[in-house]
Amino acid sequence: MISGCVSSEGTRKFAENSGINHDNFNNFENLHLSNVGVGTYLGDADSKTDELVTSAVKQSILSGVNVIDTAINYRLQKAERSVGKAISELIDDGKITRDQIFLSSKNGYVTNDADVELGFWEYVKEEYSQKGVIKEGDVTSGYHCMTVPYLSDQLDRSLKNLNVECVDLMYLHNGIEGQIKDVSKEKFLENLKLVFELYEQKRKEGKIKFYGMATWECFRVAPDNPQYLSLEDAVNMAKEIAGNDHGFRFVQLPYNMNYDQALLAKNQPLGIEHVSLLEAAARLGIGVFTSVPFMQGRLLQPGVMPEFDNLKPSLRALQFIRSTPGVLAPLVGQKSPEHVSENLEILNIAPLSEDEFLALVKKLTS
C-alpha cells in the first residue's frame, strides 16, 4: 500500500509543474488544490467502466487536476479500486508522488462488493453480521449505518481498495439524510459525536488526514426541515472533541446554477446572524466541494443555462461554480477521453474575479 498523504510541499510542486495558470488552484489548509476535481459516482460495476474511470482519473491528473473524489459504495467498491489503480500506476511511472494528490472518499451507506459473487443481503450477513460489524437495528431503512464498528470497518476497506495507507479526506456520507427517518434528531447528534470521535482517533492512527460531511439536503434546507443541520454546531462539536486542531475541515453538497441554495439561502446561524452556507463555511474555516455540476447532463441541454462569455454549456457550468466565493472545486464525473478533454478546457482560462462573479449573479437573478 502507498504510504504518505497530501502535503503542502507536494501540492505546491504539482501546481508549479501542472502547466496551467496558478489562478486555477485554491490554497486551503496550506494545500494547493485544483479548482476542478474528479468525481466517480456513476457507471456500471463492470470491468469496462473500471478501465474508463482509471483512464479518466489519470488523464485528469496529467492535465492538472489533483482533487479526486470517490466513495466505497460507488459502483459497489469498484470506483475506489479504479481510482487506486490510476494513482498507483501514475506513481509507479514516476508521473506523480502521493503527496501531490488530494484523495477523498465517503463511508456510511451499506454496500456489497461487485467483485464478490454474493447478493446484497448474503454479503451483508457474511461480511458484516457474522463478524459482529453490524448488529440488528444498526442499518436504517435508507441502507445507512453510522456506528463506530461499521465506519471503522469501511475505512479499512476503503484504504485497501485505494491501495493507500492514508486517505486525505474521509466524509460521513449523507449522515442525517440516511438516518433521520429512523432516529430522532437528538439521537442522530449523539451518534454524530461518536463518529467525529472515531475520525479523530483515525487521524491519530494516520489513516485519515481530515474528515468532513458529504451531504445532499442538510446544509441547503430551511431550519424547520427534519434533515437540517447547522454547520456552526457541527464545527463546535469537533472543537469540543479535539480543540481548534480538529480535523473537521470540509463539506460537500450539491451546487450549480439550479441548486443555488448554498449561495443564496441565508439558512445558517452564525452567532446572531443568519448567512448562506458558503459564507458560514468561509468564516468557520471549512472548505466546500460541490457535487452534480451538470445535474447528470440536464444543465447541458440547449437553453437551460443562461449564456455568458461565449462558453460552451459544460464550461459555463464549471465557470459559474468554481468562480463562486467559498467553493474550492466542483467535482466532475467524467469517463470518456472526449468528455475529460472538453471539461478540462476550463483550466485554460482563469476563474471570474469576485466582482465579475457578483455582476454575473446580479444579471442572472434580475
Protein backbone atom coordinates (compact mmCIF):
# COMPACT_ATOMS: atom_id res chain seq x y z
CA MET A 1 0.00 0.00 0.00
CA ILE A 2 1.17 3.50 -0.85
CA SER A 3 2.41 5.42 2.18
CA GLY A 4 2.06 9.12 2.93
CA CYS A 5 -0.69 11.67 2.36
CA VAL A 6 -1.24 15.03 0.73
CA SER A 7 1.18 17.79 1.74
CA SER A 8 1.72 21.50 1.28
CA GLU A 9 5.04 20.98 -0.48
CA GLY A 10 3.70 18.20 -2.71
CA THR A 11 0.68 20.17 -3.89
CA ARG A 12 2.81 23.28 -4.43
CA LYS A 13 5.11 21.29 -6.70
CA PHE A 14 2.11 19.80 -8.50
CA ALA A 15 0.68 23.27 -9.15
CA GLU A 16 4.02 24.60 -10.36
CA ASN A 17 4.56 21.65 -12.72
CA SER A 18 0.96 21.40 -13.95
CA GLY A 19 1.43 23.79 -16.86
CA ILE A 20 -1.82 25.59 -16.07
CA ASN A 21 -2.42 29.08 -14.72
CA HIS A 22 -1.88 29.27 -10.96
CA ASP A 23 -5.25 31.05 -10.69
CA ASN A 24 -6.74 27.59 -11.20
CA PHE A 25 -5.54 26.43 -7.78
CA ASN A 26 -7.01 27.37 -4.42
CA ASN A 27 -4.88 27.49 -1.30
CA PHE A 28 -6.72 25.91 1.63
CA GLU A 29 -5.17 24.37 4.75
CA ASN A 30 -1.79 25.18 3.12
CA LEU A 31 -2.67 22.87 0.23
CA HIS A 32 -2.71 23.89 -3.43
CA LEU A 33 -5.90 22.30 -4.76
CA SER A 34 -7.10 22.46 -8.37
CA ASN A 35 -10.38 24.36 -8.72
CA VAL A 36 -11.87 21.45 -10.66
CA GLY A 37 -11.95 17.93 -9.22
CA VAL A 38 -12.82 14.46 -10.49
CA GLY A 39 -15.94 12.69 -9.26
CA THR A 40 -16.51 8.96 -9.72
CA TYR A 41 -20.17 8.37 -8.83
CA LEU A 42 -21.92 6.98 -11.90
CA GLY A 43 -21.31 3.95 -14.07
CA ASP A 44 -21.89 0.22 -14.23
CA ALA A 45 -20.00 -2.07 -11.86
CA ASP A 46 -18.09 -3.79 -14.64
CA SER A 47 -14.52 -4.05 -15.91
CA LYS A 48 -15.15 -1.82 -18.93
CA THR A 49 -16.19 1.04 -16.65
CA ASP A 50 -13.20 0.30 -14.40
CA GLU A 51 -10.90 0.94 -17.35
CA LEU A 52 -12.73 4.15 -18.31
CA VAL A 53 -12.58 5.54 -14.77
CA THR A 54 -8.92 4.63 -14.32
CA SER A 55 -8.04 6.28 -17.63
CA ALA A 56 -10.14 9.37 -16.88
CA VAL A 57 -8.51 9.85 -13.48
CA LYS A 58 -5.05 9.51 -15.00
CA GLN A 59 -5.87 11.89 -17.85
CA SER A 60 -7.30 14.42 -15.39
CA ILE A 61 -4.26 14.32 -13.11
CA LEU A 62 -1.88 14.69 -16.05
CA SER A 63 -3.98 17.69 -17.19
CA GLY A 64 -3.52 19.49 -13.86
CA VAL A 65 -6.26 18.15 -11.57
CA ASN A 66 -5.15 16.97 -8.12
CA VAL A 67 -8.55 16.66 -6.37
CA ILE A 68 -10.02 13.14 -6.66
CA ASP A 69 -13.31 12.15 -5.02
CA THR A 70 -14.88 8.73 -4.61
CA ALA A 71 -16.88 6.60 -2.14
CA ILE A 72 -16.94 2.97 -1.08
CA ASN A 73 -20.50 2.44 -2.32
CA TYR A 74 -19.87 3.98 -5.75
CA ARG A 75 -20.09 1.13 -8.24
CA LEU A 76 -20.10 -1.33 -5.32
CA GLN A 77 -16.48 -0.64 -4.27
CA LYS A 78 -15.16 -0.67 -7.85
CA ALA A 79 -14.90 3.13 -8.09
CA GLU A 80 -12.39 3.20 -5.23
CA ARG A 81 -10.40 0.38 -6.85
CA SER A 82 -10.33 2.19 -10.19
CA VAL A 83 -9.07 5.36 -8.52
CA GLY A 84 -6.47 3.40 -6.57
CA LYS A 85 -5.24 1.76 -9.76
CA ALA A 86 -4.90 5.12 -11.51
CA ILE A 87 -2.90 6.68 -8.70
CA SER A 88 -0.71 3.61 -8.26
CA GLU A 89 0.11 3.49 -11.96
CA LEU A 90 0.99 7.19 -12.11
CA ILE A 91 3.24 6.84 -9.06
CA ASP A 92 4.90 3.71 -10.47
CA ASP A 93 5.54 5.58 -13.74
CA GLY A 94 7.11 8.49 -11.86
CA LYS A 95 4.45 10.93 -13.06
CA ILE A 96 3.30 11.99 -9.58
CA THR A 97 4.05 11.45 -5.91
CA ARG A 98 1.44 10.53 -3.32
CA ASP A 99 1.73 13.88 -1.52
CA GLN A 100 0.66 15.79 -4.66
CA ILE A 101 -2.85 14.28 -4.76
CA PHE A 102 -5.81 15.18 -2.53
CA LEU A 103 -7.82 11.97 -2.25
CA SER A 104 -11.25 11.82 -0.62
CA SER A 105 -13.73 9.02 -0.04
CA LYS A 106 -17.01 8.50 1.81
CA ASN A 107 -18.46 5.89 4.14
CA GLY A 108 -21.89 5.34 5.67
CA TYR A 109 -24.05 3.55 3.15
CA VAL A 110 -24.21 -0.22 3.38
CA THR A 111 -22.70 -1.70 0.25
CA ASN A 112 -21.81 -5.09 -1.10
CA ASP A 113 -18.88 -5.86 -3.41
CA ALA A 114 -19.30 -6.25 -7.16
CA ASP A 115 -16.20 -8.46 -7.24
CA VAL A 116 -17.72 -10.97 -4.80
CA GLU A 117 -20.42 -13.26 -6.15
CA LEU A 118 -22.91 -12.79 -3.33
CA GLY A 119 -26.24 -11.00 -3.30
CA PHE A 120 -26.57 -7.86 -1.23
CA TRP A 121 -28.02 -9.42 1.93
CA GLU A 122 -25.84 -12.51 1.63
CA TYR A 123 -22.79 -10.24 1.54
CA VAL A 124 -24.05 -8.18 4.49
CA LYS A 125 -24.62 -11.34 6.52
CA GLU A 126 -21.24 -12.90 5.67
CA GLU A 127 -19.03 -9.81 5.83
CA TYR A 128 -20.75 -7.72 8.49
CA SER A 129 -23.33 -9.53 10.62
CA GLN A 130 -21.44 -12.77 11.24
CA LYS A 131 -18.26 -10.81 12.05
CA GLY A 132 -20.03 -8.54 14.54
CA VAL A 133 -19.51 -5.40 12.45
CA ILE A 134 -23.26 -4.81 12.16
CA LYS A 135 -25.88 -5.91 14.65
CA GLU A 136 -29.66 -5.87 14.44
CA GLY A 137 -31.05 -2.34 14.35
CA ASP A 138 -27.83 -0.71 13.08
CA VAL A 139 -28.98 -0.35 9.46
CA THR A 140 -31.68 2.21 8.68
CA SER A 141 -34.42 1.97 6.09
CA GLY A 142 -32.16 4.10 3.90
CA TYR A 143 -29.50 1.33 3.90
CA HIS A 144 -27.29 3.55 6.04
CA CYS A 145 -25.15 2.70 9.04
CA MET A 146 -23.04 5.12 11.07
CA THR A 147 -21.96 3.02 14.02
CA VAL A 148 -18.33 3.11 15.09
CA PRO A 149 -17.64 -0.58 14.26
CA TYR A 150 -19.13 -0.25 10.79
CA LEU A 151 -17.39 3.01 9.83
CA SER A 152 -14.08 1.69 11.16
CA ASP A 153 -14.50 -1.45 9.05
CA GLN A 154 -15.41 0.61 6.00
CA LEU A 155 -12.40 2.88 6.39
CA ASP A 156 -10.08 -0.13 6.35
CA ARG A 157 -11.82 -1.49 3.25
CA SER A 158 -11.53 1.90 1.54
CA LEU A 159 -7.80 2.09 2.26
CA LYS A 160 -7.34 -1.39 0.82
CA ASN A 161 -9.44 -0.55 -2.27
CA LEU A 162 -7.48 2.66 -2.84
CA ASN A 163 -4.14 0.97 -2.09
CA VAL A 164 -3.13 3.77 0.29
CA GLU A 165 -2.21 3.84 3.97
CA CYS A 166 -3.97 7.18 4.50
CA VAL A 167 -6.91 8.91 2.81
CA ASP A 168 -6.70 12.70 2.86
CA LEU A 169 -10.39 13.29 3.50
CA MET A 170 -13.00 10.86 4.79
CA TYR A 171 -16.58 12.06 4.64
CA LEU A 172 -19.53 10.74 6.58
CA HIS A 173 -21.80 10.11 3.59
CA ASN A 174 -25.29 11.65 3.79
CA GLY A 175 -25.42 11.11 7.55
CA ILE A 176 -28.66 12.78 8.57
CA GLU A 177 -30.24 12.14 5.16
CA GLY A 178 -29.69 8.41 5.62
CA GLN A 179 -30.71 8.30 9.28
CA ILE A 180 -33.43 10.80 10.15
CA LYS A 181 -36.40 8.66 9.07
CA ASP A 182 -35.45 6.13 11.74
CA VAL A 183 -33.78 8.07 14.57
CA SER A 184 -34.56 11.29 16.39
CA LYS A 185 -32.52 14.44 15.79
CA GLU A 186 -31.14 14.20 19.32
CA LYS A 187 -30.03 10.60 18.80
CA PHE A 188 -28.50 11.49 15.45
CA LEU A 189 -26.41 14.24 17.04
CA GLU A 190 -25.26 11.83 19.77
CA ASN A 191 -24.20 9.38 17.08
CA LEU A 192 -22.53 12.13 15.03
CA LYS A 193 -20.35 12.98 18.01
CA LEU A 194 -19.27 9.33 18.23
CA VAL A 195 -18.39 9.43 14.52
CA PHE A 196 -16.30 12.59 14.97
CA GLU A 197 -14.53 10.94 17.91
CA LEU A 198 -13.79 7.92 15.71
CA TYR A 199 -12.42 10.10 12.93
CA GLU A 200 -10.20 11.98 15.38
CA GLN A 201 -8.83 8.63 16.58
CA LYS A 202 -8.19 7.55 12.99
CA ARG A 203 -6.30 10.81 12.43
CA LYS A 204 -4.03 9.90 15.32
CA GLU A 205 -3.52 6.46 13.77
CA GLY A 206 -2.51 8.10 10.48
CA LYS A 207 -5.36 6.56 8.48
CA ILE A 208 -7.06 9.86 7.62
CA LYS A 209 -5.78 13.42 7.45
CA PHE A 210 -9.09 15.34 7.51
CA TYR A 211 -12.76 14.43 7.83
CA GLY A 212 -16.00 16.02 6.75
CA MET A 213 -19.62 15.57 5.79
CA ALA A 214 -20.75 14.81 2.24
CA THR A 215 -24.39 15.87 2.14
CA TRP A 216 -27.39 16.28 -0.09
CA GLU A 217 -30.03 18.25 1.85
CA CYS A 218 -28.91 19.15 5.34
CA PHE A 219 -26.94 22.36 4.69
CA ARG A 220 -29.33 23.63 1.98
CA VAL A 221 -32.78 23.22 3.53
CA ALA A 222 -34.68 25.51 5.92
CA PRO A 223 -34.12 25.14 9.69
CA ASP A 224 -37.59 23.63 10.21
CA ASN A 225 -36.76 20.71 7.90
CA PRO A 226 -36.00 17.46 9.82
CA GLN A 227 -32.86 16.99 7.72
CA TYR A 228 -31.44 20.43 8.59
CA LEU A 229 -28.07 20.85 10.27
CA SER A 230 -26.22 23.91 11.46
CA LEU A 231 -22.64 23.99 10.20
CA GLU A 232 -21.63 26.04 13.22
CA ASP A 233 -22.99 23.34 15.53
CA ALA A 234 -21.00 20.67 13.67
CA VAL A 235 -17.79 22.71 13.92
CA ASN A 236 -18.39 23.33 17.62
CA MET A 237 -18.89 19.59 18.12
CA ALA A 238 -15.49 18.92 16.53
CA LYS A 239 -13.91 21.62 18.72
CA GLU A 240 -15.39 20.03 21.86
CA ILE A 241 -13.73 16.76 20.91
CA ALA A 242 -10.34 17.91 19.66
CA GLY A 243 -9.97 21.65 20.23
CA ASN A 244 -9.01 24.08 17.49
CA ASP A 245 -6.78 21.48 15.82
CA HIS A 246 -9.76 19.26 14.98
CA GLY A 247 -9.84 17.57 11.58
CA PHE A 248 -13.39 18.54 10.53
CA ARG A 249 -12.42 20.86 7.68
CA PHE A 250 -14.60 20.06 4.65
CA VAL A 251 -18.17 19.62 3.50
CA GLN A 252 -19.62 18.58 0.16
CA LEU A 253 -23.04 19.48 -1.18
CA PRO A 254 -24.93 19.98 -4.46
CA TYR A 255 -24.39 23.38 -6.07
CA ASN A 256 -24.90 24.71 -9.57
CA MET A 257 -27.00 27.32 -11.37
CA ASN A 258 -30.14 25.40 -10.45
CA TYR A 259 -29.20 24.23 -6.94
CA ASP A 260 -28.13 27.69 -5.73
CA GLN A 261 -29.16 27.43 -2.07
CA ALA A 262 -25.58 27.33 -0.77
CA LEU A 263 -25.08 30.80 -2.23
CA LEU A 264 -28.47 32.46 -1.83
CA ALA A 265 -30.31 30.86 1.12
CA LYS A 266 -29.42 32.55 4.41
CA ASN A 267 -30.26 29.47 6.45
CA GLN A 268 -27.12 29.10 8.57
CA PRO A 269 -26.90 30.75 12.03
CA LEU A 270 -23.55 32.30 12.81
CA GLY A 271 -23.62 34.00 16.17
CA ILE A 272 -26.65 36.32 15.97
CA GLU A 273 -26.62 36.46 12.16
CA HIS A 274 -28.12 34.23 9.51
CA VAL A 275 -25.88 33.77 6.49
CA SER A 276 -25.52 31.47 3.50
CA LEU A 277 -23.79 28.12 3.80
CA LEU A 278 -20.86 29.38 1.74
CA GLU A 279 -20.39 32.44 3.94
CA ALA A 280 -20.70 30.36 7.10
CA ALA A 281 -18.14 27.88 5.79
CA ALA A 282 -15.67 30.62 4.89
CA ARG A 283 -15.94 32.23 8.32
CA LEU A 284 -15.71 28.88 10.12
CA GLY A 285 -12.66 27.72 8.15
CA ILE A 286 -14.48 24.95 6.27
CA GLY A 287 -13.65 24.11 2.67
CA VAL A 288 -16.55 23.40 0.33
CA PHE A 289 -16.51 20.93 -2.56
CA THR A 290 -19.60 20.73 -4.74
CA SER A 291 -21.37 17.86 -6.48
CA VAL A 292 -23.69 17.49 -9.53
CA PRO A 293 -22.20 20.36 -11.57
CA PHE A 294 -24.19 19.32 -14.65
CA MET A 295 -27.15 17.71 -12.83
CA GLN A 296 -26.25 14.49 -14.69
CA GLY A 297 -26.37 16.31 -18.01
CA ARG A 298 -29.67 18.13 -17.58
CA LEU A 299 -27.99 21.54 -17.31
CA LEU A 300 -26.19 20.98 -20.61
CA GLN A 301 -29.35 20.91 -22.71
CA PRO A 302 -29.79 23.88 -25.09
CA GLY A 303 -31.34 26.94 -23.46
CA VAL A 304 -31.25 25.61 -19.88
CA MET A 305 -28.39 27.79 -18.61
CA PRO A 306 -28.02 31.49 -19.39
CA GLU A 307 -25.16 32.22 -21.76
CA PHE A 308 -22.09 34.24 -20.82
CA ASP A 309 -18.51 34.76 -22.01
CA ASN A 310 -19.13 32.71 -25.20
CA LEU A 311 -18.52 29.47 -23.27
CA LYS A 312 -20.00 26.11 -24.22
CA PRO A 313 -22.54 24.73 -21.69
CA SER A 314 -20.16 22.45 -19.74
CA LEU A 315 -17.61 25.23 -19.32
CA ARG A 316 -20.33 27.74 -18.35
CA ALA A 317 -21.49 25.37 -15.61
CA LEU A 318 -17.97 24.84 -14.26
CA GLN A 319 -17.00 28.51 -14.54
CA PHE A 320 -20.05 29.58 -12.52
CA ILE A 321 -19.38 27.06 -9.75
CA ARG A 322 -15.61 27.37 -9.41
CA SER A 323 -15.82 31.20 -9.52
CA THR A 324 -18.26 31.26 -6.60
CA PRO A 325 -16.52 32.68 -3.50
CA GLY A 326 -16.09 29.91 -0.94
CA VAL A 327 -16.16 26.99 -3.40
CA LEU A 328 -12.91 25.02 -3.64
CA ALA A 329 -13.88 22.90 -6.64
CA PRO A 330 -16.82 21.30 -8.43
CA LEU A 331 -16.41 17.52 -8.69
CA VAL A 332 -16.97 16.41 -12.27
CA GLY A 333 -17.98 12.88 -13.15
CA GLN A 334 -16.19 12.16 -16.43
CA LYS A 335 -15.19 8.89 -18.06
CA SER A 336 -14.61 9.19 -21.80
CA PRO A 337 -11.39 10.85 -23.00
CA GLU A 338 -13.53 13.26 -25.04
CA HIS A 339 -15.52 14.44 -22.02
CA VAL A 340 -12.39 14.79 -19.89
CA SER A 341 -10.72 16.89 -22.58
CA GLU A 342 -13.82 19.04 -23.08
CA ASN A 343 -14.41 19.66 -19.38
CA LEU A 344 -10.78 20.42 -18.64
CA GLU A 345 -10.68 23.13 -21.30
CA ILE A 346 -11.81 25.24 -18.33
CA LEU A 347 -8.24 25.02 -16.98
CA ASN A 348 -7.08 27.11 -19.93
CA ILE A 349 -8.93 30.16 -18.62
CA ALA A 350 -8.93 31.93 -15.27
CA PRO A 351 -11.98 31.87 -12.99
CA LEU A 352 -14.08 35.01 -12.77
CA SER A 353 -12.97 37.64 -10.28
CA GLU A 354 -15.30 38.21 -7.34
CA ASP A 355 -16.60 41.44 -8.91
CA GLU A 356 -17.20 39.66 -12.23
CA PHE A 357 -18.98 36.82 -10.46
CA LEU A 358 -21.23 39.17 -8.48
CA ALA A 359 -22.09 41.06 -11.66
CA LEU A 360 -22.99 37.74 -13.31
CA VAL A 361 -25.19 36.69 -10.38
CA LYS A 362 -26.93 40.08 -10.46
CA LYS A 363 -27.57 39.62 -14.17
CA LEU A 364 -28.86 36.07 -13.71
CA THR A 365 -31.18 36.93 -10.81
CA SER A 366 -32.55 40.24 -12.12
